[in-house]
Amino acid sequence: MAFFRLIPNLNILAPKNFKELEEMLEFAIRLQKPVVIRYPRGGEDEYKMEKQDKIELRKSRSFKTR
């Protein structure tokens, strides 16, 4: 991931679940700027988010697991 920092104006997105991944893909298309979406290998965690926030540029979120 460090080499992506060399690219100017690149947006790096990291979804926390598959629903957010889907929303980030749509967001990346609408943004029309360079985007990298980082997601882990494997399946989704057992932890489910009750509420899905709207994706905004330059706004990060964190969440606590059980």
C-alpha atoms as a PDB file:
ATOM      1  CA  MET A   1       0.000   0.000   0.000  1.00  0.00           C
ATOM      2  CA  ALA A   2       2.905   2.366   0.589  1.00  0.00           C
ATOM      3  CA  PHE A   3       3.664   2.708  -3.126  1.00  0.00           C
ATOM      4  CA  PHE A   4       0.162   4.103  -3.749  1.00  0.00           C
ATOM      5  CA  ARG A   5       1.100   7.166  -1.677  1.00  0.00           C
ATOM      6  CA  LEU A   6       3.418   8.206  -4.512  1.00  0.00           C
ATOM      7  CA  ILE A   7       0.500   8.752  -6.892  1.00  0.00           C
ATOM      8  CA  PRO A   8      -0.894  12.288  -6.584  1.00  0.00           C
ATOM      9  CA  ASN A   9      -4.627  12.769  -5.962  1.00  0.00           C
ATOM     10  CA  LEU A  10      -5.204   9.044  -5.454  1.00  0.00           C
ATOM     11  CA  ASN A  11      -8.058   8.086  -3.139  1.00  0.00           C
ATOM     12  CA  ILE A  12      -7.667   4.878  -1.139  1.00  0.00           C
ATOM     13  CA  LEU A  13     -10.849   3.254   0.137  1.00  0.00           C
ATOM     14  CA  ALA A  14     -11.053   0.318   2.563  1.00  0.00           C
ATOM     15  CA  PRO A  15     -14.538  -1.159   3.088  1.00  0.00           C
ATOM     16  CA  LYS A  16     -15.416  -2.922   6.331  1.00  0.00           C
ATOM     17  CA  ASN A  17     -17.956  -5.331   4.799  1.00  0.00           C
ATOM     18  CA  PHE A  18     -19.418  -6.437   1.483  1.00  0.00           C
ATOM     19  CA  LYS A  19     -22.259  -3.900   1.580  1.00  0.00           C
ATOM     20  CA  GLU A  20     -19.781  -1.054   1.990  1.00  0.00           C
ATOM     21  CA  LEU A  21     -17.623  -2.530  -0.797  1.00  0.00           C
ATOM     22  CA  GLU A  22     -20.608  -2.351  -3.132  1.00  0.00           C
ATOM     23  CA  GLU A  23     -21.278   1.264  -2.135  1.00  0.00           C
ATOM     24  CA  MET A  24     -17.601   2.181  -2.557  1.00  0.00           C
ATOM     25  CA  LEU A  25     -17.556   0.769  -6.081  1.00  0.00           C
ATOM     26  CA  GLU A  26     -20.517   2.961  -7.005  1.00  0.00           C
ATOM     27  CA  PHE A  27     -18.897   5.925  -5.216  1.00  0.00           C
ATOM     28  CA  ALA A  28     -15.634   5.399  -7.139  1.00  0.00           C
ATOM     29  CA  ILE A  29     -17.474   5.483 -10.460  1.00  0.00           C
ATOM     30  CA  ARG A  30     -19.288   8.710  -9.555  1.00  0.00           C
ATOM     31  CA  LEU A  31     -16.097  10.320  -8.213  1.00  0.00           C
ATOM     32  CA  GLN A  32     -14.321  10.162 -11.580  1.00  0.00           C
ATOM     33  CA  LYS A  33     -10.887  10.439  -9.952  1.00  0.00           C
ATOM     34  CA  PRO A  34      -8.174   7.829  -9.383  1.00  0.00           C
ATOM     35  CA  VAL A  35      -9.330   5.332  -6.746  1.00  0.00           C
ATOM     36  CA  VAL A  36      -7.873   2.204  -5.150  1.00  0.00           C
ATOM     37  CA  ILE A  37     -10.197  -0.041  -3.159  1.00  0.00           C
ATOM     38  CA  ARG A  38      -8.423  -2.213  -0.621  1.00  0.00           C
ATOM     39  CA  TYR A  39     -10.285  -5.157   0.820  1.00  0.00           C
ATOM     40  CA  PRO A  40      -9.120  -8.212   2.758  1.00  0.00           C
ATOM     41  CA  ARG A  41      -9.040 -11.708   1.354  1.00  0.00           C
ATOM     42  CA  GLY A  42     -11.566 -14.149   2.686  1.00  0.00           C
ATOM     43  CA  GLY A  43     -15.128 -13.736   3.802  1.00  0.00           C
ATOM     44  CA  GLU A  44     -17.001 -11.204   5.814  1.00  0.00           C
ATOM     45  CA  ASP A  45     -16.704 -11.101   9.612  1.00  0.00           C
ATOM     46  CA  GLU A  46     -19.508 -12.304  11.813  1.00  0.00           C
ATOM     47  CA  TYR A  47     -19.983  -8.744  13.084  1.00  0.00           C
ATOM     48  CA  LYS A  48     -22.829  -7.059  11.218  1.00  0.00           C
ATOM     49  CA  MET A  49     -23.347  -3.326  11.047  1.00  0.00           C
ATOM     50  CA  GLU A  50     -26.878  -2.244  11.899  1.00  0.00           C
ATOM     51  CA  LYS A  51     -26.590   1.137  10.217  1.00  0.00           C
ATOM     52  CA  GLN A  52     -24.687   1.911   7.027  1.00  0.00           C
ATOM     53  CA  ASP A  53     -23.401   5.494   6.795  1.00  0.00           C
ATOM     54  CA  LYS A  54     -23.190   7.400   3.539  1.00  0.00           C
ATOM     55  CA  ILE A  55     -19.712   7.329   1.980  1.00  0.00           C
ATOM     56  CA  GLU A  56     -18.065  10.744   1.863  1.00  0.00           C
ATOM     57  CA  LEU A  57     -14.737  11.782   0.423  1.00  0.00           C
ATOM     58  CA  ARG A  58     -12.027  12.431   3.050  1.00  0.00           C
ATOM     59  CA  LYS A  59     -14.126  11.123   5.937  1.00  0.00           C
ATOM     60  CA  SER A  60     -13.047   8.007   7.761  1.00  0.00           C
ATOM     61  CA  ARG A  61     -14.926   5.847  10.230  1.00  0.00           C
ATOM     62  CA  SER A  62     -13.968   3.305  12.788  1.00  0.00           C
ATOM     63  CA  PHE A  63     -16.108   0.745  14.524  1.00  0.00           C
ATOM     64  CA  LYS A  64     -15.736  -1.519  17.498  1.00  0.00           C
ATOM     65  CA  THR A  65     -16.250  -5.229  17.354  1.00  0.00           C
ATOM     66  CA  ARG A  66     -18.245  -6.816  20.099  1.00  0.00           C
END
